[in-house]
Amino acid sequence: SIVRRLVLDLNGSVKVETQPGQGTKFFVELPAAS
């Protein structure tokens, strides 16, 4: 996906958690700028 590509290009990560009947959570982690 576009988001995954952008996050990986920025040395980050994407995590997805799905709970039946509850929905889906997307987590995006990016390194802090120095």
PDB file of N, CA and C in Angstrom:
ATOM      1  N   SER A   1       0.836  -1.192   0.000  1.00  0.00           N
ATOM      2  CA  SER A   1       0.000   0.000   0.000  1.00  0.00           C
ATOM      3  C   SER A   1       0.872   1.244   0.000  1.00  0.00           C
ATOM      4  N   ILE A   2       0.275   2.356  -0.281  1.00  0.00           N
ATOM      5  CA  ILE A   2       1.002   3.628  -0.314  1.00  0.00           C
ATOM      6  C   ILE A   2       1.541   3.974   1.067  1.00  0.00           C
ATOM      7  N   VAL A   3       0.719   3.814   2.093  1.00  0.00           N
ATOM      8  CA  VAL A   3       1.155   4.150   3.452  1.00  0.00           C
ATOM      9  C   VAL A   3       2.333   3.280   3.871  1.00  0.00           C
ATOM     10  N   ARG A   4       2.248   1.993   3.619  1.00  0.00           N
ATOM     11  CA  ARG A   4       3.336   1.076   3.997  1.00  0.00           C
ATOM     12  C   ARG A   4       4.635   1.485   3.323  1.00  0.00           C
ATOM     13  N   ARG A   5       4.572   1.810   2.046  1.00  0.00           N
ATOM     14  CA  ARG A   5       5.778   2.209   1.305  1.00  0.00           C
ATOM     15  C   ARG A   5       6.385   3.486   1.886  1.00  0.00           C
ATOM     16  N   LEU A   6       5.548   4.480   2.173  1.00  0.00           N
ATOM     17  CA  LEU A   6       6.047   5.740   2.738  1.00  0.00           C
ATOM     18  C   LEU A   6       6.691   5.521   4.105  1.00  0.00           C
ATOM     19  N   VAL A   7       6.032   4.732   4.946  1.00  0.00           N
ATOM     20  CA  VAL A   7       6.560   4.482   6.287  1.00  0.00           C
ATOM     21  C   VAL A   7       7.879   3.727   6.211  1.00  0.00           C
ATOM     22  N   LEU A   8       7.966   2.709   5.372  1.00  0.00           N
ATOM     23  CA  LEU A   8       9.215   1.959   5.235  1.00  0.00           C
ATOM     24  C   LEU A   8      10.327   2.832   4.664  1.00  0.00           C
ATOM     25  N   ASP A   9      10.003   3.726   3.739  1.00  0.00           N
ATOM     26  CA  ASP A   9      11.005   4.646   3.192  1.00  0.00           C
ATOM     27  C   ASP A   9      11.561   5.572   4.268  1.00  0.00           C
ATOM     28  N   LEU A  10      10.768   5.823   5.314  1.00  0.00           N
ATOM     29  CA  LEU A  10      11.186   6.687   6.421  1.00  0.00           C
ATOM     30  C   LEU A  10      11.740   5.882   7.600  1.00  0.00           C
ATOM     31  N   ASN A  11      12.080   4.603   7.350  1.00  0.00           N
ATOM     32  CA  ASN A  11      12.638   3.704   8.370  1.00  0.00           C
ATOM     33  C   ASN A  11      11.690   3.478   9.542  1.00  0.00           C
ATOM     34  N   GLY A  12      10.402   3.432   9.253  1.00  0.00           N
ATOM     35  CA  GLY A  12       9.404   3.180  10.283  1.00  0.00           C
ATOM     36  C   GLY A  12       8.791   1.806  10.125  1.00  0.00           C
ATOM     37  N   SER A  13       7.688   1.590  10.835  1.00  0.00           N
ATOM     38  CA  SER A  13       6.995   0.306  10.754  1.00  0.00           C
ATOM     39  C   SER A  13       5.489   0.516  10.851  1.00  0.00           C
ATOM     40  N   VAL A  14       4.748  -0.456  10.323  1.00  0.00           N
ATOM     41  CA  VAL A  14       3.288  -0.445  10.368  1.00  0.00           C
ATOM     42  C   VAL A  14       2.840  -1.753  11.004  1.00  0.00           C
ATOM     43  N   LYS A  15       1.918  -1.666  11.961  1.00  0.00           N
ATOM     44  CA  LYS A  15       1.382  -2.850  12.628  1.00  0.00           C
ATOM     45  C   LYS A  15      -0.138  -2.784  12.561  1.00  0.00           C
ATOM     46  N   VAL A  16      -0.773  -3.939  12.380  1.00  0.00           N
ATOM     47  CA  VAL A  16      -2.233  -4.009  12.300  1.00  0.00           C
ATOM     48  C   VAL A  16      -2.721  -5.042  13.301  1.00  0.00           C
ATOM     49  N   GLU A  17      -3.736  -4.673  14.092  1.00  0.00           N
ATOM     50  CA  GLU A  17      -4.383  -5.602  15.019  1.00  0.00           C
ATOM     51  C   GLU A  17      -5.867  -5.650  14.685  1.00  0.00           C
ATOM     52  N   THR A  18      -6.397  -6.853  14.511  1.00  0.00           N
ATOM     53  CA  THR A  18      -7.816  -7.024  14.201  1.00  0.00           C
ATOM     54  C   THR A  18      -8.476  -7.846  15.290  1.00  0.00           C
ATOM     55  N   GLN A  19      -9.614  -7.354  15.785  1.00  0.00           N
ATOM     56  CA  GLN A  19     -10.398  -8.079  16.774  1.00  0.00           C
ATOM     57  C   GLN A  19     -11.801  -8.269  16.216  1.00  0.00           C
ATOM     58  N   PRO A  20     -12.197  -9.514  15.982  1.00  0.00           N
ATOM     59  CA  PRO A  20     -13.528  -9.775  15.435  1.00  0.00           C
ATOM     60  C   PRO A  20     -14.626  -9.102  16.268  1.00  0.00           C
ATOM     61  N   GLY A  21     -15.515  -8.414  15.593  1.00  0.00           N
ATOM     62  CA  GLY A  21     -16.613  -7.733  16.257  1.00  0.00           C
ATOM     63  C   GLY A  21     -16.238  -6.415  16.898  1.00  0.00           C
ATOM     64  N   GLN A  22     -14.935  -6.084  16.918  1.00  0.00           N
ATOM     65  CA  GLN A  22     -14.463  -4.855  17.553  1.00  0.00           C
ATOM     66  C   GLN A  22     -13.880  -3.864  16.549  1.00  0.00           C
ATOM     67  N   GLY A  23     -13.271  -4.366  15.495  1.00  0.00           N
ATOM     68  CA  GLY A  23     -12.671  -3.487  14.499  1.00  0.00           C
ATOM     69  C   GLY A  23     -11.189  -3.755  14.329  1.00  0.00           C
ATOM     70  N   THR A  24     -10.542  -2.848  13.636  1.00  0.00           N
ATOM     71  CA  THR A  24      -9.125  -2.979  13.314  1.00  0.00           C
ATOM     72  C   THR A  24      -8.382  -1.726  13.743  1.00  0.00           C
ATOM     73  N   LYS A  25      -7.188  -1.919  14.323  1.00  0.00           N
ATOM     74  CA  LYS A  25      -6.329  -0.805  14.722  1.00  0.00           C
ATOM     75  C   LYS A  25      -5.081  -0.833  13.848  1.00  0.00           C
ATOM     76  N   PHE A  26      -4.662   0.338  13.391  1.00  0.00           N
ATOM     77  CA  PHE A  26      -3.438   0.489  12.615  1.00  0.00           C
ATOM     78  C   PHE A  26      -2.467   1.327  13.432  1.00  0.00           C
ATOM     79  N   PHE A  27      -1.240   0.848  13.573  1.00  0.00           N
ATOM     80  CA  PHE A  27      -0.206   1.562  14.309  1.00  0.00           C
ATOM     81  C   PHE A  27       0.929   1.904  13.350  1.00  0.00           C
ATOM     82  N   VAL A  28       1.344   3.156  13.357  1.00  0.00           N
ATOM     83  CA  VAL A  28       2.459   3.608  12.520  1.00  0.00           C
ATOM     84  C   VAL A  28       3.527   4.168  13.445  1.00  0.00           C
ATOM     85  N   GLU A  29       4.742   3.657  13.345  1.00  0.00           N
ATOM     86  CA  GLU A  29       5.865   4.152  14.137  1.00  0.00           C
ATOM     87  C   GLU A  29       6.908   4.737  13.203  1.00  0.00           C
ATOM     88  N   LEU A  30       7.337   5.955  13.523  1.00  0.00           N
ATOM     89  CA  LEU A  30       8.378   6.636  12.752  1.00  0.00           C
ATOM     90  C   LEU A  30       9.476   7.081  13.704  1.00  0.00           C
ATOM     91  N   PRO A  31      10.733   7.045  13.269  1.00  0.00           N
ATOM     92  CA  PRO A  31      11.815   7.507  14.137  1.00  0.00           C
ATOM     93  C   PRO A  31      11.714   9.020  14.355  1.00  0.00           C
ATOM     94  N   ALA A  32      12.118   9.456  15.534  1.00  0.00           N
ATOM     95  CA  ALA A  32      12.101  10.886  15.856  1.00  0.00           C
ATOM     96  C   ALA A  32      13.220  11.596  15.100  1.00  0.00           C
ATOM     97  N   ALA A  33      12.948  12.813  14.700  1.00  0.00           N
ATOM     98  CA  ALA A  33      13.968  13.620  14.024  1.00  0.00           C
ATOM     99  C   ALA A  33      14.976  14.110  15.056  1.00  0.00           C
ATOM    100  N   SER A  34      16.239  14.195  14.655  1.00  0.00           N
ATOM    101  CA  SER A  34      17.262  14.666  15.593  1.00  0.00           C
ATOM    102  C   SER A  34      17.587  16.116  15.360  1.00  0.00           C
TER     103      SER A  34
END
